[in-house]
């Protein structure tokens, strides 16, 4: 949240880090809609998380369900609560009907010397690629770039580091 020193002006923002712009399109839309649910709750004064923002409570779950998500599990996760929502098929269809230019989601910022891209001219390219789960920070290495890796614990798309 942005604001002035007196607390009279309050502005909110949603953003996705430039390193995460090249994940699958609907994954990006899932993230943005999820953050909109958190923002809506914040503006309405609804506390939807606890444990320093890691545990998602039943108020979060209820608002997610009103906004086009469903929860495959019947019980909340012990550590994260109702944090593993999925876009409903009807919601995916509505997103696709918006005709968003998916071409803007094919590149992302890469750190110098990391993974299979980035770095300076003449640098030796690495034969190992590191993937990190944005939920539990599990890491996996592969010998191939541009693959899709999903965390078995969080069911989130892993991000190349």
N, C-alpha and C. Protein backbone atom coordinates (compact mmCIF):
# COMPACT_ATOMS: atom_id res chain seq x y z
N UNK A 1 0.84 -1.18 0.00
CA UNK A 1 0.00 0.00 0.00
C UNK A 1 0.89 1.24 0.00
N UNK A 2 0.49 2.21 -0.75
CA UNK A 2 1.14 3.50 -0.80
C UNK A 2 0.32 4.48 0.03
N UNK A 3 0.98 5.47 0.61
CA UNK A 3 0.24 6.46 1.37
C UNK A 3 1.10 7.63 1.78
N UNK A 4 0.42 8.69 2.22
CA UNK A 4 1.14 9.84 2.72
C UNK A 4 1.43 9.66 4.21
N UNK A 5 2.22 10.54 4.76
CA UNK A 5 2.63 10.42 6.16
C UNK A 5 1.46 10.54 7.14
N UNK A 6 0.46 11.33 6.78
CA UNK A 6 -0.68 11.54 7.66
C UNK A 6 -1.72 10.42 7.58
N UNK A 7 -1.60 9.55 6.61
CA UNK A 7 -2.56 8.47 6.44
C UNK A 7 -3.84 8.88 5.75
N UNK A 8 -3.84 10.07 5.14
CA UNK A 8 -5.03 10.55 4.44
C UNK A 8 -5.16 9.97 3.04
N UNK A 9 -4.03 9.69 2.42
CA UNK A 9 -4.04 9.14 1.06
C UNK A 9 -3.59 7.69 1.12
N UNK A 10 -4.41 6.81 0.58
CA UNK A 10 -4.08 5.38 0.52
C UNK A 10 -4.28 4.89 -0.91
N UNK A 11 -3.25 4.31 -1.47
CA UNK A 11 -3.32 3.76 -2.83
C UNK A 11 -2.76 2.35 -2.78
N UNK A 12 -3.34 1.50 -3.60
CA UNK A 12 -2.92 0.11 -3.64
C UNK A 12 -2.35 -0.20 -5.01
N UNK A 13 -1.53 -1.22 -5.05
CA UNK A 13 -1.00 -1.67 -6.34
C UNK A 13 -0.92 -3.19 -6.37
N UNK A 14 -1.04 -3.72 -7.56
CA UNK A 14 -0.81 -5.14 -7.81
C UNK A 14 0.33 -5.19 -8.81
N UNK A 15 1.30 -6.05 -8.57
CA UNK A 15 2.34 -6.21 -9.58
C UNK A 15 2.88 -7.62 -9.56
N UNK A 16 3.45 -7.99 -10.66
CA UNK A 16 4.12 -9.27 -10.79
C UNK A 16 5.57 -8.96 -11.08
N UNK A 17 6.45 -9.56 -10.34
CA UNK A 17 7.87 -9.33 -10.53
C UNK A 17 8.26 -9.69 -11.97
N UNK A 18 9.14 -8.90 -12.55
CA UNK A 18 9.55 -9.09 -13.94
C UNK A 18 10.17 -10.46 -14.19
N UNK A 19 10.68 -11.10 -13.15
CA UNK A 19 11.26 -12.43 -13.31
C UNK A 19 10.20 -13.51 -13.52
N UNK A 20 8.94 -13.20 -13.27
CA UNK A 20 7.87 -14.19 -13.34
C UNK A 20 6.86 -13.93 -14.47
N UNK A 21 7.21 -13.09 -15.42
CA UNK A 21 6.27 -12.75 -16.48
C UNK A 21 6.15 -13.81 -17.57
N UNK A 22 7.05 -14.77 -17.61
CA UNK A 22 7.01 -15.75 -18.70
C UNK A 22 6.44 -17.10 -18.28
N UNK A 23 5.69 -17.15 -17.20
CA UNK A 23 5.03 -18.40 -16.84
C UNK A 23 3.79 -18.55 -17.72
N UNK A 24 3.16 -19.70 -17.67
CA UNK A 24 1.98 -19.96 -18.49
C UNK A 24 0.94 -18.86 -18.26
N UNK A 25 0.29 -18.42 -19.32
CA UNK A 25 -0.62 -17.27 -19.28
C UNK A 25 -1.69 -17.39 -18.19
N UNK A 26 -2.38 -18.51 -18.13
CA UNK A 26 -3.45 -18.63 -17.13
C UNK A 26 -2.90 -18.69 -15.71
N UNK A 27 -1.65 -19.11 -15.55
CA UNK A 27 -1.00 -19.06 -14.24
C UNK A 27 -0.83 -17.60 -13.80
N UNK A 28 -0.45 -16.74 -14.75
CA UNK A 28 -0.31 -15.31 -14.46
C UNK A 28 -1.68 -14.71 -14.12
N UNK A 29 -2.70 -15.08 -14.87
CA UNK A 29 -4.04 -14.57 -14.60
C UNK A 29 -4.54 -15.06 -13.24
N UNK A 30 -4.24 -16.31 -12.90
CA UNK A 30 -4.58 -16.87 -11.59
C UNK A 30 -3.96 -16.01 -10.49
N UNK A 31 -2.69 -15.69 -10.65
CA UNK A 31 -1.98 -14.89 -9.64
C UNK A 31 -2.60 -13.50 -9.51
N UNK A 32 -2.89 -12.86 -10.64
CA UNK A 32 -3.46 -11.52 -10.58
C UNK A 32 -4.85 -11.53 -9.93
N UNK A 33 -5.68 -12.50 -10.29
CA UNK A 33 -7.01 -12.58 -9.70
C UNK A 33 -6.93 -12.89 -8.21
N UNK A 34 -6.01 -13.75 -7.83
CA UNK A 34 -5.79 -14.06 -6.42
C UNK A 34 -5.40 -12.80 -5.64
N UNK A 35 -4.48 -12.03 -6.21
CA UNK A 35 -4.06 -10.79 -5.53
C UNK A 35 -5.20 -9.77 -5.48
N UNK A 36 -6.07 -9.79 -6.48
CA UNK A 36 -7.25 -8.91 -6.45
C UNK A 36 -8.19 -9.30 -5.32
N UNK A 37 -8.30 -10.58 -5.04
CA UNK A 37 -9.12 -11.04 -3.91
C UNK A 37 -8.54 -10.49 -2.60
N UNK A 38 -7.22 -10.61 -2.44
CA UNK A 38 -6.58 -10.06 -1.23
C UNK A 38 -6.81 -8.55 -1.14
N UNK A 39 -6.67 -7.85 -2.27
CA UNK A 39 -6.85 -6.40 -2.27
C UNK A 39 -8.29 -6.03 -1.93
N UNK A 40 -9.25 -6.72 -2.52
CA UNK A 40 -10.66 -6.47 -2.22
C UNK A 40 -10.92 -6.63 -0.73
N UNK A 41 -10.41 -7.72 -0.16
CA UNK A 41 -10.60 -7.95 1.27
C UNK A 41 -9.95 -6.85 2.11
N UNK A 42 -8.76 -6.43 1.70
CA UNK A 42 -8.07 -5.36 2.46
C UNK A 42 -8.87 -4.07 2.43
N UNK A 43 -9.37 -3.69 1.27
CA UNK A 43 -10.15 -2.45 1.14
C UNK A 43 -11.44 -2.54 1.97
N UNK A 44 -12.04 -3.72 2.03
CA UNK A 44 -13.27 -3.92 2.80
C UNK A 44 -13.00 -4.15 4.29
N UNK A 45 -11.72 -4.19 4.69
CA UNK A 45 -11.39 -4.40 6.09
C UNK A 45 -11.53 -5.84 6.55
N UNK A 46 -11.45 -6.78 5.61
CA UNK A 46 -11.58 -8.20 5.93
C UNK A 46 -10.19 -8.81 6.06
N UNK A 47 -9.88 -9.34 7.24
CA UNK A 47 -8.60 -10.01 7.44
C UNK A 47 -8.73 -11.42 6.89
N UNK A 48 -7.98 -11.71 5.82
CA UNK A 48 -8.12 -13.02 5.18
C UNK A 48 -6.90 -13.93 5.36
N UNK A 49 -5.90 -13.46 6.09
CA UNK A 49 -4.74 -14.30 6.40
C UNK A 49 -4.32 -14.08 7.85
N UNK A 50 -3.52 -15.02 8.34
CA UNK A 50 -2.90 -14.90 9.66
C UNK A 50 -1.50 -15.49 9.54
N UNK A 51 -0.82 -15.64 10.67
CA UNK A 51 0.55 -16.17 10.68
C UNK A 51 1.46 -15.39 9.73
N UNK A 52 1.41 -14.07 9.88
CA UNK A 52 2.25 -13.18 9.08
C UNK A 52 1.95 -13.29 7.58
N UNK A 53 0.68 -13.51 7.25
CA UNK A 53 0.26 -13.55 5.87
C UNK A 53 0.39 -14.89 5.16
N UNK A 54 0.79 -15.94 5.87
CA UNK A 54 0.99 -17.23 5.20
C UNK A 54 -0.25 -18.13 5.26
N UNK A 55 -1.07 -18.00 6.29
CA UNK A 55 -2.23 -18.88 6.45
C UNK A 55 -3.47 -18.18 5.91
N UNK A 56 -4.11 -18.76 4.89
CA UNK A 56 -5.29 -18.20 4.25
C UNK A 56 -6.55 -18.79 4.90
N UNK A 57 -7.37 -17.92 5.49
CA UNK A 57 -8.50 -18.40 6.29
C UNK A 57 -9.78 -18.60 5.48
N UNK A 58 -10.87 -18.93 6.17
CA UNK A 58 -12.14 -19.24 5.50
C UNK A 58 -12.76 -18.00 4.84
N UNK A 59 -12.44 -16.81 5.33
CA UNK A 59 -12.94 -15.59 4.66
C UNK A 59 -12.27 -15.43 3.30
N UNK A 60 -10.98 -15.77 3.23
CA UNK A 60 -10.27 -15.76 1.95
C UNK A 60 -10.88 -16.79 1.01
N UNK A 61 -11.10 -17.98 1.51
CA UNK A 61 -11.69 -19.07 0.70
C UNK A 61 -13.04 -18.64 0.14
N UNK A 62 -13.89 -18.08 0.99
CA UNK A 62 -15.24 -17.68 0.56
C UNK A 62 -15.17 -16.63 -0.56
N UNK A 63 -14.30 -15.65 -0.42
CA UNK A 63 -14.20 -14.61 -1.45
C UNK A 63 -13.61 -15.18 -2.74
N UNK A 64 -12.66 -16.09 -2.63
CA UNK A 64 -12.11 -16.76 -3.82
C UNK A 64 -13.20 -17.50 -4.57
N UNK A 65 -14.02 -18.20 -3.84
CA UNK A 65 -15.11 -18.96 -4.48
C UNK A 65 -16.11 -18.03 -5.16
N UNK A 66 -16.34 -16.85 -4.59
CA UNK A 66 -17.23 -15.87 -5.21
C UNK A 66 -16.60 -15.27 -6.48
N UNK A 67 -15.28 -15.32 -6.58
CA UNK A 67 -14.55 -14.69 -7.68
C UNK A 67 -14.04 -15.67 -8.74
N UNK A 68 -14.54 -16.89 -8.74
CA UNK A 68 -14.22 -17.79 -9.83
C UNK A 68 -13.15 -18.82 -9.57
N UNK A 69 -12.85 -19.07 -8.32
CA UNK A 69 -11.90 -20.11 -7.95
C UNK A 69 -12.65 -21.30 -7.34
N UNK A 70 -11.98 -22.43 -7.30
CA UNK A 70 -12.46 -23.57 -6.52
C UNK A 70 -11.27 -24.15 -5.78
N UNK A 71 -11.53 -24.96 -4.79
CA UNK A 71 -10.48 -25.59 -3.98
C UNK A 71 -10.61 -27.10 -4.12
N UNK A 72 -9.60 -27.76 -4.71
CA UNK A 72 -9.68 -29.21 -4.91
C UNK A 72 -9.67 -30.00 -3.60
N UNK A 73 -9.03 -29.47 -2.57
CA UNK A 73 -8.97 -30.16 -1.29
C UNK A 73 -10.18 -29.81 -0.44
N UNK A 74 -10.64 -30.76 0.34
CA UNK A 74 -11.82 -30.56 1.20
C UNK A 74 -11.46 -29.94 2.55
N UNK A 75 -10.17 -29.96 2.89
CA UNK A 75 -9.70 -29.40 4.16
C UNK A 75 -8.57 -28.42 3.89
N UNK A 76 -8.39 -27.41 4.75
CA UNK A 76 -7.28 -26.47 4.56
C UNK A 76 -5.93 -27.14 4.86
N UNK A 77 -4.90 -26.69 4.18
CA UNK A 77 -3.54 -27.14 4.44
C UNK A 77 -3.14 -26.68 5.85
N UNK A 78 -2.42 -27.52 6.58
CA UNK A 78 -2.04 -27.18 7.96
C UNK A 78 -1.16 -25.93 8.04
N UNK A 79 -0.30 -25.73 7.06
CA UNK A 79 0.63 -24.59 7.08
C UNK A 79 0.07 -23.35 6.38
N UNK A 80 -0.58 -23.54 5.21
CA UNK A 80 -0.99 -22.41 4.38
C UNK A 80 -2.49 -22.16 4.35
N UNK A 81 -3.29 -23.03 4.97
CA UNK A 81 -4.74 -22.85 4.97
C UNK A 81 -5.32 -23.06 3.58
N UNK A 82 -6.24 -22.18 3.18
CA UNK A 82 -6.91 -22.28 1.88
C UNK A 82 -6.10 -21.54 0.83
N UNK A 83 -4.87 -21.98 0.61
CA UNK A 83 -3.96 -21.27 -0.28
C UNK A 83 -3.80 -21.90 -1.65
N UNK A 84 -4.43 -23.03 -1.91
CA UNK A 84 -4.17 -23.73 -3.17
C UNK A 84 -5.41 -23.77 -4.05
N UNK A 85 -5.88 -22.58 -4.35
CA UNK A 85 -7.06 -22.41 -5.19
C UNK A 85 -6.70 -22.67 -6.65
N UNK A 86 -7.73 -22.97 -7.44
CA UNK A 86 -7.59 -23.19 -8.88
C UNK A 86 -8.67 -22.36 -9.58
N UNK A 87 -8.34 -21.85 -10.77
CA UNK A 87 -9.34 -21.16 -11.57
C UNK A 87 -10.38 -22.16 -12.06
N UNK A 88 -11.63 -21.85 -11.89
CA UNK A 88 -12.70 -22.69 -12.42
C UNK A 88 -12.70 -22.59 -13.94
N UNK A 89 -13.19 -23.62 -14.60
CA UNK A 89 -13.22 -23.63 -16.07
C UNK A 89 -14.00 -22.44 -16.62
N UNK A 90 -15.10 -22.08 -15.98
CA UNK A 90 -15.89 -20.94 -16.41
C UNK A 90 -15.08 -19.64 -16.30
N UNK A 91 -14.27 -19.52 -15.26
CA UNK A 91 -13.43 -18.35 -15.08
C UNK A 91 -12.37 -18.29 -16.17
N UNK A 92 -11.75 -19.43 -16.46
CA UNK A 92 -10.76 -19.47 -17.54
C UNK A 92 -11.38 -19.03 -18.85
N UNK A 93 -12.59 -19.49 -19.12
CA UNK A 93 -13.29 -19.12 -20.35
C UNK A 93 -13.52 -17.61 -20.41
N UNK A 94 -13.95 -17.02 -19.30
CA UNK A 94 -14.18 -15.57 -19.25
C UNK A 94 -12.88 -14.80 -19.49
N UNK A 95 -11.79 -15.28 -18.92
CA UNK A 95 -10.49 -14.63 -19.11
C UNK A 95 -10.10 -14.69 -20.59
N UNK A 96 -10.28 -15.84 -21.21
CA UNK A 96 -9.91 -16.00 -22.62
C UNK A 96 -10.79 -15.12 -23.52
N UNK A 97 -12.03 -14.89 -23.13
CA UNK A 97 -12.93 -14.03 -23.91
C UNK A 97 -12.50 -12.57 -23.87
N UNK A 98 -11.65 -12.19 -22.92
CA UNK A 98 -11.16 -10.81 -22.82
C UNK A 98 -10.18 -10.48 -23.94
N UNK A 99 -9.70 -11.49 -24.64
CA UNK A 99 -8.77 -11.33 -25.75
C UNK A 99 -7.52 -10.55 -25.33
N UNK A 100 -6.96 -10.89 -24.20
CA UNK A 100 -5.72 -10.29 -23.72
C UNK A 100 -4.58 -10.76 -24.62
N UNK A 101 -3.70 -9.87 -24.98
CA UNK A 101 -2.55 -10.21 -25.82
C UNK A 101 -1.58 -11.06 -25.01
N UNK A 102 -1.62 -12.36 -25.22
CA UNK A 102 -0.76 -13.28 -24.47
C UNK A 102 0.71 -13.13 -24.86
N UNK A 103 0.97 -12.51 -25.99
CA UNK A 103 2.35 -12.31 -26.44
C UNK A 103 3.19 -11.47 -25.51
N UNK A 104 2.54 -10.68 -24.66
CA UNK A 104 3.32 -9.86 -23.73
C UNK A 104 3.82 -10.66 -22.53
N UNK A 105 3.40 -11.93 -22.43
CA UNK A 105 3.78 -12.77 -21.31
C UNK A 105 4.77 -13.86 -21.70
N UNK A 106 5.62 -13.59 -22.68
CA UNK A 106 6.55 -14.63 -23.13
C UNK A 106 7.99 -14.34 -22.76
N UNK A 107 8.27 -13.17 -22.26
CA UNK A 107 9.64 -12.87 -21.83
C UNK A 107 9.63 -12.42 -20.38
N UNK A 108 10.77 -12.55 -19.73
CA UNK A 108 10.90 -12.12 -18.34
C UNK A 108 12.34 -11.70 -18.10
N UNK A 109 12.55 -10.94 -17.04
CA UNK A 109 13.90 -10.53 -16.66
C UNK A 109 14.67 -11.75 -16.19
N UNK A 110 15.88 -11.90 -16.66
CA UNK A 110 16.75 -12.99 -16.24
C UNK A 110 17.97 -12.38 -15.55
N UNK A 111 18.40 -13.01 -14.48
CA UNK A 111 19.57 -12.54 -13.74
C UNK A 111 20.83 -12.86 -14.53
N UNK A 112 21.83 -12.01 -14.45
CA UNK A 112 23.10 -12.26 -15.14
C UNK A 112 23.75 -13.51 -14.60
N UNK A 113 24.20 -14.38 -15.50
CA UNK A 113 24.92 -15.58 -15.11
C UNK A 113 24.05 -16.70 -14.60
N UNK A 114 22.75 -16.51 -14.51
CA UNK A 114 21.88 -17.56 -13.97
C UNK A 114 21.17 -18.31 -15.06
N UNK A 115 20.93 -19.56 -14.83
CA UNK A 115 20.12 -20.37 -15.74
C UNK A 115 20.64 -20.43 -17.15
N UNK A 116 19.76 -20.59 -18.10
CA UNK A 116 20.16 -20.75 -19.49
C UNK A 116 20.07 -19.49 -20.30
N UNK A 117 19.67 -18.36 -19.71
CA UNK A 117 19.61 -17.13 -20.48
C UNK A 117 20.21 -16.01 -19.66
N UNK A 118 20.32 -14.86 -20.27
CA UNK A 118 20.95 -13.73 -19.61
C UNK A 118 22.45 -13.84 -19.72
N UNK A 119 23.14 -12.99 -18.99
CA UNK A 119 24.60 -13.04 -19.02
C UNK A 119 25.16 -12.24 -20.16
N UNK A 120 26.45 -12.00 -20.09
CA UNK A 120 27.12 -11.19 -21.10
C UNK A 120 27.53 -11.99 -22.30
N UNK A 121 27.93 -11.26 -23.34
CA UNK A 121 28.36 -11.90 -24.57
C UNK A 121 29.64 -12.67 -24.34
N UNK A 122 29.75 -13.87 -24.90
CA UNK A 122 30.96 -14.66 -24.76
C UNK A 122 31.00 -15.50 -23.50
N UNK A 123 30.00 -15.36 -22.62
CA UNK A 123 29.97 -16.18 -21.42
C UNK A 123 29.64 -17.61 -21.77
N UNK A 124 30.19 -18.55 -21.00
CA UNK A 124 29.86 -19.95 -21.20
C UNK A 124 28.45 -20.18 -20.66
N UNK A 125 27.64 -20.85 -21.46
CA UNK A 125 26.27 -21.15 -21.09
C UNK A 125 26.25 -22.34 -20.13
N UNK A 126 25.45 -22.26 -19.08
CA UNK A 126 25.34 -23.34 -18.12
C UNK A 126 24.56 -24.49 -18.71
N UNK A 127 24.92 -25.72 -18.33
CA UNK A 127 24.18 -26.90 -18.76
C UNK A 127 23.18 -27.34 -17.70
N UNK A 128 23.07 -26.57 -16.63
CA UNK A 128 22.17 -26.90 -15.54
C UNK A 128 21.22 -25.73 -15.31
N UNK A 129 19.95 -26.05 -15.11
CA UNK A 129 18.94 -25.03 -14.89
C UNK A 129 18.26 -25.31 -13.55
N UNK A 130 18.08 -24.24 -12.78
CA UNK A 130 17.50 -24.38 -11.44
C UNK A 130 16.08 -23.83 -11.46
N UNK A 131 15.15 -24.61 -10.90
CA UNK A 131 13.74 -24.24 -10.82
C UNK A 131 13.36 -24.16 -9.35
N UNK A 132 12.61 -23.12 -8.97
CA UNK A 132 12.23 -22.90 -7.57
C UNK A 132 10.71 -22.76 -7.47
N UNK A 133 10.14 -23.45 -6.49
CA UNK A 133 8.70 -23.33 -6.24
C UNK A 133 8.45 -22.00 -5.51
N UNK A 134 7.55 -21.16 -6.04
CA UNK A 134 7.27 -19.89 -5.37
C UNK A 134 6.51 -20.06 -4.05
N UNK A 135 5.96 -21.25 -3.81
CA UNK A 135 5.22 -21.49 -2.57
C UNK A 135 6.11 -21.97 -1.43
N UNK A 136 6.80 -23.11 -1.65
CA UNK A 136 7.59 -23.71 -0.57
C UNK A 136 9.10 -23.59 -0.78
N UNK A 137 9.52 -22.99 -1.89
CA UNK A 137 10.93 -22.76 -2.23
C UNK A 137 11.72 -24.05 -2.46
N UNK A 138 11.04 -25.13 -2.77
CA UNK A 138 11.70 -26.37 -3.18
C UNK A 138 12.47 -26.08 -4.46
N UNK A 139 13.68 -26.64 -4.59
CA UNK A 139 14.46 -26.43 -5.82
C UNK A 139 14.66 -27.74 -6.56
N UNK A 140 14.71 -27.63 -7.87
CA UNK A 140 14.93 -28.76 -8.76
C UNK A 140 15.90 -28.30 -9.83
N UNK A 141 16.79 -29.19 -10.26
CA UNK A 141 17.71 -28.87 -11.36
C UNK A 141 17.38 -29.74 -12.55
N UNK A 142 17.56 -29.17 -13.74
CA UNK A 142 17.35 -29.93 -14.97
C UNK A 142 18.48 -29.63 -15.94
N UNK A 143 18.62 -30.48 -16.92
CA UNK A 143 19.63 -30.26 -17.95
C UNK A 143 19.03 -29.60 -19.18
N UNK A 144 17.71 -29.38 -19.16
CA UNK A 144 17.03 -28.78 -20.30
C UNK A 144 16.41 -27.44 -19.91
N UNK A 145 16.51 -26.45 -20.79
CA UNK A 145 15.82 -25.17 -20.55
C UNK A 145 14.38 -25.26 -21.02
N UNK A 146 13.60 -24.25 -20.73
CA UNK A 146 12.25 -24.10 -21.27
C UNK A 146 11.37 -25.32 -21.06
N UNK A 147 11.39 -25.85 -19.83
CA UNK A 147 10.49 -26.96 -19.50
C UNK A 147 9.47 -26.47 -18.48
N UNK A 148 8.42 -27.19 -18.32
CA UNK A 148 7.38 -26.86 -17.35
C UNK A 148 7.52 -27.83 -16.18
N UNK A 149 7.82 -27.28 -14.99
CA UNK A 149 8.00 -28.10 -13.80
C UNK A 149 6.99 -27.65 -12.76
N UNK A 150 6.24 -28.59 -12.20
CA UNK A 150 5.23 -28.28 -11.20
C UNK A 150 5.64 -28.92 -9.87
N UNK A 151 5.51 -28.17 -8.78
CA UNK A 151 5.83 -28.67 -7.44
C UNK A 151 4.77 -29.68 -7.01
N UNK A 152 5.22 -30.85 -6.58
CA UNK A 152 4.30 -31.88 -6.13
C UNK A 152 3.65 -31.55 -4.79
N UNK A 153 4.29 -30.71 -3.99
CA UNK A 153 3.74 -30.34 -2.70
C UNK A 153 2.70 -29.23 -2.82
N UNK A 154 3.01 -28.17 -3.59
CA UNK A 154 2.16 -27.00 -3.68
C UNK A 154 1.29 -26.97 -4.93
N UNK A 155 1.62 -27.80 -5.91
CA UNK A 155 0.95 -27.81 -7.20
C UNK A 155 1.06 -26.45 -7.89
N UNK A 156 2.19 -25.77 -7.69
CA UNK A 156 2.45 -24.48 -8.35
C UNK A 156 3.50 -24.70 -9.43
N UNK A 157 3.41 -23.89 -10.48
CA UNK A 157 4.42 -23.93 -11.54
C UNK A 157 5.71 -23.38 -10.98
N UNK A 158 6.80 -24.13 -11.13
CA UNK A 158 8.10 -23.70 -10.61
C UNK A 158 8.72 -22.68 -11.56
N UNK A 159 9.51 -21.78 -11.02
CA UNK A 159 10.09 -20.67 -11.75
C UNK A 159 11.59 -20.91 -11.93
N UNK A 160 12.09 -20.66 -13.15
CA UNK A 160 13.53 -20.79 -13.38
C UNK A 160 14.25 -19.67 -12.65
N UNK A 161 15.28 -20.04 -11.91
CA UNK A 161 16.06 -19.04 -11.17
C UNK A 161 17.28 -18.65 -11.96
